[in-house]
Amino acid sequence: MTLRSLLVLSLLPLLAACGGTGDMQLYPVQGPIANEDPASLIPITLKADTETSGIVSFRLPKPNKSKCQGTWSSVAPKVRTQERGLSLTLRDTGGKYKNSTEDLGGVNSGEIYAVCSDGNRLQGTFISGSGTQSGTGTVTDSLGNVYKLLY
């Protein structure tokens, strides 16, 4: 293998982690889109601004075929601990100070909201496990469609 091909192979995981397409999916389960094509899948492209929020964009299928953009946000509780103490070792003479932040285990809740080019508005809620990148939820729109959200 050449040096160039090794470099490309080493960068692939980083590029894949940068919010490619299909990170979230909407499955129409009720309404005009589900009636038109019950097997349709709507991939959502994610762009993470932080670990707990970001931008979403996707395109709805027939009958409207509108482009939608919005935001996702998740509540990820964290526990912050501080440690202070006296140290008599030569390395830490005088004192010891330590901060740490950890994810709180359990289920986190989140919301998604998007506005489409035709004025349609989608909003929904989802849950995900702490420290995971998977979850489930329900999204509705202003045109009477209901979607299952999976990621």
C-alpha atoms as a PDB file:
ATOM      1  CA  MET A   1       0.000   0.000   0.000  1.00  0.00           C
ATOM      2  CA  THR A   2       1.135   3.488  -0.723  1.00  0.00           C
ATOM      3  CA  LEU A   3       1.412   6.223   1.863  1.00  0.00           C
ATOM      4  CA  ARG A   4      -1.454   8.079   0.188  1.00  0.00           C
ATOM      5  CA  SER A   5      -3.845   5.112   0.401  1.00  0.00           C
ATOM      6  CA  LEU A   6      -2.923   4.569   4.061  1.00  0.00           C
ATOM      7  CA  LEU A   7      -3.713   8.218   4.769  1.00  0.00           C
ATOM      8  CA  VAL A   8      -7.103   7.962   3.037  1.00  0.00           C
ATOM      9  CA  LEU A   9      -7.948   4.773   4.947  1.00  0.00           C
ATOM     10  CA  SER A  10      -6.992   6.371   8.259  1.00  0.00           C
ATOM     11  CA  LEU A  11      -9.226   9.393   7.582  1.00  0.00           C
ATOM     12  CA  LEU A  12     -12.349   7.386   6.648  1.00  0.00           C
ATOM     13  CA  PRO A  13     -13.561   6.877  10.238  1.00  0.00           C
ATOM     14  CA  LEU A  14     -13.193  10.600  10.924  1.00  0.00           C
ATOM     15  CA  LEU A  15     -15.126  11.525   7.799  1.00  0.00           C
ATOM     16  CA  ALA A  16     -17.858   9.021   8.620  1.00  0.00           C
ATOM     17  CA  ALA A  17     -18.271  10.546  12.083  1.00  0.00           C
ATOM     18  CA  CYS A  18     -18.836  14.040  10.689  1.00  0.00           C
ATOM     19  CA  GLY A  19     -22.593  13.735  10.195  1.00  0.00           C
ATOM     20  CA  GLY A  20     -23.120  11.869   6.965  1.00  0.00           C
ATOM     21  CA  THR A  21     -26.539  11.153   5.474  1.00  0.00           C
ATOM     22  CA  GLY A  22     -28.874   8.629   6.976  1.00  0.00           C
ATOM     23  CA  ASP A  23     -27.966   9.288  10.622  1.00  0.00           C
ATOM     24  CA  MET A  24     -31.679   9.545  11.434  1.00  0.00           C
ATOM     25  CA  GLN A  25     -34.616   8.163   9.493  1.00  0.00           C
ATOM     26  CA  LEU A  26     -38.306   9.043   9.362  1.00  0.00           C
ATOM     27  CA  TYR A  27     -40.784   6.291   8.519  1.00  0.00           C
ATOM     28  CA  PRO A  28     -44.265   7.587   7.569  1.00  0.00           C
ATOM     29  CA  VAL A  29     -46.841   5.540   9.501  1.00  0.00           C
ATOM     30  CA  GLN A  30     -50.008   7.593   9.029  1.00  0.00           C
ATOM     31  CA  GLY A  31     -51.290  10.351   6.734  1.00  0.00           C
ATOM     32  CA  PRO A  32     -50.957  11.341   3.058  1.00  0.00           C
ATOM     33  CA  ILE A  33     -47.283  10.298   2.674  1.00  0.00           C
ATOM     34  CA  ALA A  34     -47.899   6.862   4.226  1.00  0.00           C
ATOM     35  CA  ASN A  35     -50.979   6.432   1.996  1.00  0.00           C
ATOM     36  CA  GLU A  36     -48.965   7.327  -1.141  1.00  0.00           C
ATOM     37  CA  ASP A  37     -46.038   4.976  -0.353  1.00  0.00           C
ATOM     38  CA  PRO A  38     -46.213   2.986   2.922  1.00  0.00           C
ATOM     39  CA  ALA A  39     -42.653   1.643   2.431  1.00  0.00           C
ATOM     40  CA  SER A  40     -41.005   5.051   2.053  1.00  0.00           C
ATOM     41  CA  LEU A  41     -37.982   6.018   4.118  1.00  0.00           C
ATOM     42  CA  ILE A  42     -36.881   9.617   4.675  1.00  0.00           C
ATOM     43  CA  PRO A  43     -33.169   9.930   5.538  1.00  0.00           C
ATOM     44  CA  ILE A  44     -32.212  12.898   7.713  1.00  0.00           C
ATOM     45  CA  THR A  45     -28.808  14.514   7.451  1.00  0.00           C
ATOM     46  CA  LEU A  46     -27.395  15.653  10.800  1.00  0.00           C
ATOM     47  CA  LYS A  47     -24.836  18.302  11.523  1.00  0.00           C
ATOM     48  CA  ALA A  48     -23.825  18.360  15.175  1.00  0.00           C
ATOM     49  CA  ASP A  49     -23.179  21.803  16.631  1.00  0.00           C
ATOM     50  CA  THR A  50     -22.488  20.249  20.029  1.00  0.00           C
ATOM     51  CA  GLU A  51     -22.826  16.778  21.491  1.00  0.00           C
ATOM     52  CA  THR A  52     -26.445  17.493  22.402  1.00  0.00           C
ATOM     53  CA  SER A  53     -27.829  19.629  19.552  1.00  0.00           C
ATOM     54  CA  GLY A  54     -27.463  20.356  15.876  1.00  0.00           C
ATOM     55  CA  ILE A  55     -28.999  21.026  12.487  1.00  0.00           C
ATOM     56  CA  VAL A  56     -31.232  18.599  10.547  1.00  0.00           C
ATOM     57  CA  SER A  57     -32.085  18.677   6.854  1.00  0.00           C
ATOM     58  CA  PHE A  58     -34.148  16.323   4.711  1.00  0.00           C
ATOM     59  CA  ARG A  59     -36.543  16.200   1.776  1.00  0.00           C
ATOM     60  CA  LEU A  60     -40.117  14.931   2.058  1.00  0.00           C
ATOM     61  CA  PRO A  61     -41.360  12.600  -0.709  1.00  0.00           C
ATOM     62  CA  LYS A  62     -44.558  12.900  -2.779  1.00  0.00           C
ATOM     63  CA  PRO A  63     -47.062  14.489  -2.769  1.00  0.00           C
ATOM     64  CA  ASN A  64     -45.242  17.679  -1.612  1.00  0.00           C
ATOM     65  CA  LYS A  65     -41.519  17.003  -2.282  1.00  0.00           C
ATOM     66  CA  SER A  66     -40.481  19.889  -0.036  1.00  0.00           C
ATOM     67  CA  LYS A  67     -37.048  20.546   1.460  1.00  0.00           C
ATOM     68  CA  CYS A  68     -36.976  20.850   5.263  1.00  0.00           C
ATOM     69  CA  GLN A  69     -34.433  22.230   7.731  1.00  0.00           C
ATOM     70  CA  GLY A  70     -34.471  22.519  11.495  1.00  0.00           C
ATOM     71  CA  THR A  71     -32.871  21.648  14.797  1.00  0.00           C
ATOM     72  CA  TRP A  72     -32.511  18.658  17.069  1.00  0.00           C
ATOM     73  CA  SER A  73     -31.693  18.916  20.746  1.00  0.00           C
ATOM     74  CA  SER A  74     -31.231  16.338  23.481  1.00  0.00           C
ATOM     75  CA  VAL A  75     -31.057  16.713  27.231  1.00  0.00           C
ATOM     76  CA  ALA A  76     -28.006  14.801  28.434  1.00  0.00           C
ATOM     77  CA  PRO A  77     -27.643  15.222  32.189  1.00  0.00           C
ATOM     78  CA  LYS A  78     -24.114  15.277  33.518  1.00  0.00           C
ATOM     79  CA  VAL A  79     -22.663  14.975  36.995  1.00  0.00           C
ATOM     80  CA  ARG A  80     -19.800  17.265  37.921  1.00  0.00           C
ATOM     81  CA  THR A  81     -17.568  16.459  40.863  1.00  0.00           C
ATOM     82  CA  GLN A  82     -14.851  18.479  42.491  1.00  0.00           C
ATOM     83  CA  GLU A  83     -12.186  17.139  44.791  1.00  0.00           C
ATOM     84  CA  ARG A  84     -10.063  19.275  47.080  1.00  0.00           C
ATOM     85  CA  GLY A  85      -7.622  18.129  49.645  1.00  0.00           C
ATOM     86  CA  LEU A  86      -4.322  18.593  51.326  1.00  0.00           C
ATOM     87  CA  SER A  87      -1.318  16.804  49.892  1.00  0.00           C
ATOM     88  CA  LEU A  88       2.004  16.465  51.633  1.00  0.00           C
ATOM     89  CA  THR A  89       3.829  14.792  48.769  1.00  0.00           C
ATOM     90  CA  LEU A  90       6.621  16.575  46.954  1.00  0.00           C
ATOM     91  CA  ARG A  91       4.753  16.334  43.667  1.00  0.00           C
ATOM     92  CA  ASP A  92       1.512  17.981  44.860  1.00  0.00           C
ATOM     93  CA  THR A  93       2.783  20.023  47.784  1.00  0.00           C
ATOM     94  CA  GLY A  94       0.143  22.241  49.284  1.00  0.00           C
ATOM     95  CA  GLY A  95      -3.040  20.944  47.767  1.00  0.00           C
ATOM     96  CA  LYS A  96      -4.861  18.696  45.418  1.00  0.00           C
ATOM     97  CA  TYR A  97      -7.653  19.866  43.145  1.00  0.00           C
ATOM     98  CA  LYS A  98      -9.544  17.806  40.595  1.00  0.00           C
ATOM     99  CA  ASN A  99     -12.653  18.389  38.428  1.00  0.00           C
ATOM    100  CA  SER A 100     -14.488  15.684  36.503  1.00  0.00           C
ATOM    101  CA  THR A 101     -17.686  15.509  34.467  1.00  0.00           C
ATOM    102  CA  GLU A 102     -19.532  12.286  33.670  1.00  0.00           C
ATOM    103  CA  ASP A 103     -22.724  11.370  31.806  1.00  0.00           C
ATOM    104  CA  LEU A 104     -25.555  10.392  34.098  1.00  0.00           C
ATOM    105  CA  GLY A 105     -26.792   6.920  33.182  1.00  0.00           C
ATOM    106  CA  GLY A 106     -30.356   6.410  32.046  1.00  0.00           C
ATOM    107  CA  VAL A 107     -32.609   7.625  29.277  1.00  0.00           C
ATOM    108  CA  ASN A 108     -32.281  11.098  27.774  1.00  0.00           C
ATOM    109  CA  SER A 109     -35.129  12.943  26.114  1.00  0.00           C
ATOM    110  CA  GLY A 110     -34.896  15.203  23.092  1.00  0.00           C
ATOM    111  CA  GLU A 111     -36.868  17.192  20.548  1.00  0.00           C
ATOM    112  CA  ILE A 112     -36.718  17.777  16.820  1.00  0.00           C
ATOM    113  CA  TYR A 113     -38.285  20.691  14.936  1.00  0.00           C
ATOM    114  CA  ALA A 114     -38.119  21.553  11.228  1.00  0.00           C
ATOM    115  CA  VAL A 115     -39.794  23.907   8.762  1.00  0.00           C
ATOM    116  CA  CYS A 116     -40.220  22.944   5.110  1.00  0.00           C
ATOM    117  CA  SER A 117     -40.085  25.073   1.972  1.00  0.00           C
ATOM    118  CA  ASP A 118     -43.865  24.693   1.522  1.00  0.00           C
ATOM    119  CA  GLY A 119     -44.595  25.929   5.073  1.00  0.00           C
ATOM    120  CA  ASN A 120     -45.116  22.464   6.554  1.00  0.00           C
ATOM    121  CA  ARG A 121     -43.802  22.222  10.128  1.00  0.00           C
ATOM    122  CA  LEU A 122     -42.570  19.002  11.727  1.00  0.00           C
ATOM    123  CA  GLN A 123     -42.039  18.525  15.427  1.00  0.00           C
ATOM    124  CA  GLY A 124     -41.484  15.547  17.633  1.00  0.00           C
ATOM    125  CA  THR A 125     -39.876  14.016  20.668  1.00  0.00           C
ATOM    126  CA  PHE A 126     -37.432  11.163  21.079  1.00  0.00           C
ATOM    127  CA  ILE A 127     -35.546   9.242  23.753  1.00  0.00           C
ATOM    128  CA  SER A 128     -32.018   7.853  23.692  1.00  0.00           C
ATOM    129  CA  GLY A 129     -29.749   6.003  26.062  1.00  0.00           C
ATOM    130  CA  SER A 130     -26.964   7.902  27.825  1.00  0.00           C
ATOM    131  CA  GLY A 131     -23.691   7.549  25.988  1.00  0.00           C
ATOM    132  CA  THR A 132     -25.355   5.919  22.957  1.00  0.00           C
ATOM    133  CA  GLN A 133     -26.076   7.227  19.516  1.00  0.00           C
ATOM    134  CA  SER A 134     -29.376   5.426  19.046  1.00  0.00           C
ATOM    135  CA  GLY A 135     -32.925   6.277  19.900  1.00  0.00           C
ATOM    136  CA  THR A 136     -36.570   6.306  18.920  1.00  0.00           C
ATOM    137  CA  GLY A 137     -39.406   8.783  18.801  1.00  0.00           C
ATOM    138  CA  THR A 138     -42.511  10.133  17.070  1.00  0.00           C
ATOM    139  CA  VAL A 139     -42.778  13.145  14.761  1.00  0.00           C
ATOM    140  CA  THR A 140     -45.916  14.828  13.393  1.00  0.00           C
ATOM    141  CA  ASP A 141     -46.339  17.518  10.765  1.00  0.00           C
ATOM    142  CA  SER A 142     -48.887  20.222  10.054  1.00  0.00           C
ATOM    143  CA  LEU A 143     -50.246  18.287   7.032  1.00  0.00           C
ATOM    144  CA  GLY A 144     -51.519  15.342   9.094  1.00  0.00           C
ATOM    145  CA  ASN A 145     -48.576  12.978   8.693  1.00  0.00           C
ATOM    146  CA  VAL A 146     -47.193  10.914  11.572  1.00  0.00           C
ATOM    147  CA  TYR A 147     -43.661   9.492  11.404  1.00  0.00           C
ATOM    148  CA  LYS A 148     -41.626   7.005  13.402  1.00  0.00           C
ATOM    149  CA  LEU A 149     -38.157   8.464  14.106  1.00  0.00           C
ATOM    150  CA  LEU A 150     -35.289   5.975  14.434  1.00  0.00           C
ATOM    151  CA  TYR A 151     -31.541   6.504  14.665  1.00  0.00           C
END
